[in-house]
Amino acid sequence: MSAGIVKRSVAIAGHRTSVSLEEPFWEVLREIADRRSLSVQALIGRIDAERGEQNLSSAIRVYVLGSLRAAADTEPS
């Protein structure tokens, strides 16, 4: 798994923008979107709508981290 930065173009609220994330974040973001029956673009749109003043790439990383933490908290000990 490469940790290099990957830049992808997405449309959010009808506007094109690019998002730069490390490949592992893109991979987990795809997994989360699949589990929720969403496209990655739709999930990014939801994250964007809730991010406030935070940078979009940072908001996505925090969202992915929060999702992983929540999943870890529900795993049996």
C-alpha atoms as a PDB file:
ATOM      1  CA  MET A   1       0.000   0.000   0.000  1.00  0.00           C
ATOM      2  CA  SER A   2       1.578   3.219  -1.177  1.00  0.00           C
ATOM      3  CA  ALA A   3       1.143   6.327   0.944  1.00  0.00           C
ATOM      4  CA  GLY A   4       1.709   8.724  -1.969  1.00  0.00           C
ATOM      5  CA  ILE A   5      -0.629  11.656  -2.500  1.00  0.00           C
ATOM      6  CA  VAL A   6      -3.276  11.084  -5.169  1.00  0.00           C
ATOM      7  CA  LYS A   7      -5.250  14.008  -6.581  1.00  0.00           C
ATOM      8  CA  ARG A   8      -8.776  13.289  -7.840  1.00  0.00           C
ATOM      9  CA  SER A   9     -11.404  15.528  -9.375  1.00  0.00           C
ATOM     10  CA  VAL A  10     -14.917  15.457  -7.878  1.00  0.00           C
ATOM     11  CA  ALA A  11     -18.112  17.425  -8.312  1.00  0.00           C
ATOM     12  CA  ILE A  12     -19.607  18.858  -5.124  1.00  0.00           C
ATOM     13  CA  ALA A  13     -22.876  20.762  -5.271  1.00  0.00           C
ATOM     14  CA  GLY A  14     -22.442  21.120  -9.020  1.00  0.00           C
ATOM     15  CA  HIS A  15     -18.887  22.484  -8.845  1.00  0.00           C
ATOM     16  CA  ARG A  16     -15.741  20.603  -9.853  1.00  0.00           C
ATOM     17  CA  THR A  17     -12.877  20.589  -7.411  1.00  0.00           C
ATOM     18  CA  SER A  18      -9.831  18.453  -6.805  1.00  0.00           C
ATOM     19  CA  VAL A  19      -9.036  16.598  -3.609  1.00  0.00           C
ATOM     20  CA  SER A  20      -5.549  15.403  -2.670  1.00  0.00           C
ATOM     21  CA  LEU A  21      -5.325  12.466  -0.266  1.00  0.00           C
ATOM     22  CA  GLU A  22      -2.906   9.668   0.432  1.00  0.00           C
ATOM     23  CA  GLU A  23      -3.926   6.440  -1.331  1.00  0.00           C
ATOM     24  CA  PRO A  24      -4.811   4.622   1.944  1.00  0.00           C
ATOM     25  CA  PHE A  25      -7.385   7.332   2.698  1.00  0.00           C
ATOM     26  CA  TRP A  26      -8.911   6.936  -0.783  1.00  0.00           C
ATOM     27  CA  GLU A  27      -9.100   3.168  -0.231  1.00  0.00           C
ATOM     28  CA  VAL A  28     -10.869   3.440   3.129  1.00  0.00           C
ATOM     29  CA  LEU A  29     -13.146   6.194   1.809  1.00  0.00           C
ATOM     30  CA  ARG A  30     -14.229   3.809  -1.003  1.00  0.00           C
ATOM     31  CA  GLU A  31     -14.882   1.055   1.557  1.00  0.00           C
ATOM     32  CA  ILE A  32     -17.007   3.379   3.704  1.00  0.00           C
ATOM     33  CA  ALA A  33     -18.958   4.568   0.653  1.00  0.00           C
ATOM     34  CA  ASP A  34     -19.566   0.953  -0.445  1.00  0.00           C
ATOM     35  CA  ARG A  35     -20.844  -0.033   3.014  1.00  0.00           C
ATOM     36  CA  ARG A  36     -23.270   2.899   2.920  1.00  0.00           C
ATOM     37  CA  SER A  37     -24.336   2.217  -0.695  1.00  0.00           C
ATOM     38  CA  LEU A  38     -23.020   5.622  -1.768  1.00  0.00           C
ATOM     39  CA  SER A  39     -20.623   6.755  -4.429  1.00  0.00           C
ATOM     40  CA  VAL A  40     -17.364   8.226  -3.168  1.00  0.00           C
ATOM     41  CA  GLN A  41     -18.464  11.531  -4.674  1.00  0.00           C
ATOM     42  CA  ALA A  42     -21.764  11.455  -2.736  1.00  0.00           C
ATOM     43  CA  LEU A  43     -19.921  10.662   0.501  1.00  0.00           C
ATOM     44  CA  ILE A  44     -17.483  13.512  -0.117  1.00  0.00           C
ATOM     45  CA  GLY A  45     -20.489  15.774  -0.703  1.00  0.00           C
ATOM     46  CA  ARG A  46     -21.871  14.837   2.716  1.00  0.00           C
ATOM     47  CA  ILE A  47     -18.504  15.422   4.372  1.00  0.00           C
ATOM     48  CA  ASP A  48     -18.237  18.774   2.582  1.00  0.00           C
ATOM     49  CA  ALA A  49     -21.680  19.852   3.806  1.00  0.00           C
ATOM     50  CA  GLU A  50     -20.663  19.246   7.433  1.00  0.00           C
ATOM     51  CA  ARG A  51     -17.048  20.452   7.450  1.00  0.00           C
ATOM     52  CA  GLY A  52     -17.534  24.102   8.339  1.00  0.00           C
ATOM     53  CA  GLU A  53     -14.318  26.071   7.797  1.00  0.00           C
ATOM     54  CA  GLN A  54     -12.070  22.999   7.736  1.00  0.00           C
ATOM     55  CA  ASN A  55     -10.057  22.210   4.592  1.00  0.00           C
ATOM     56  CA  LEU A  56     -11.869  19.493   2.565  1.00  0.00           C
ATOM     57  CA  SER A  57      -8.912  17.092   2.423  1.00  0.00           C
ATOM     58  CA  SER A  58      -8.436  17.432   6.187  1.00  0.00           C
ATOM     59  CA  ALA A  59     -12.161  16.959   6.788  1.00  0.00           C
ATOM     60  CA  ILE A  60     -12.080  13.731   4.769  1.00  0.00           C
ATOM     61  CA  ARG A  61      -9.088  12.428   6.726  1.00  0.00           C
ATOM     62  CA  VAL A  62     -10.798  13.233  10.046  1.00  0.00           C
ATOM     63  CA  TYR A  63     -14.013  11.570   8.828  1.00  0.00           C
ATOM     64  CA  VAL A  64     -12.132   8.410   7.791  1.00  0.00           C
ATOM     65  CA  LEU A  65     -10.303   8.330  11.131  1.00  0.00           C
ATOM     66  CA  GLY A  66     -13.580   8.759  13.029  1.00  0.00           C
ATOM     67  CA  SER A  67     -15.199   5.953  11.041  1.00  0.00           C
ATOM     68  CA  LEU A  68     -12.287   3.629  11.754  1.00  0.00           C
ATOM     69  CA  ARG A  69     -12.362   4.501  15.454  1.00  0.00           C
ATOM     70  CA  ALA A  70     -16.111   3.874  15.621  1.00  0.00           C
ATOM     71  CA  ALA A  71     -15.638   0.501  13.926  1.00  0.00           C
ATOM     72  CA  ALA A  72     -12.850  -0.404  16.350  1.00  0.00           C
ATOM     73  CA  ASP A  73     -15.066   0.515  19.317  1.00  0.00           C
ATOM     74  CA  THR A  74     -17.730  -1.952  18.161  1.00  0.00           C
ATOM     75  CA  GLU A  75     -15.334  -4.870  17.699  1.00  0.00           C
ATOM     76  CA  PRO A  76     -15.593  -7.534  20.398  1.00  0.00           C
ATOM     77  CA  SER A  77     -12.684  -7.584  22.846  1.00  0.00           C
END
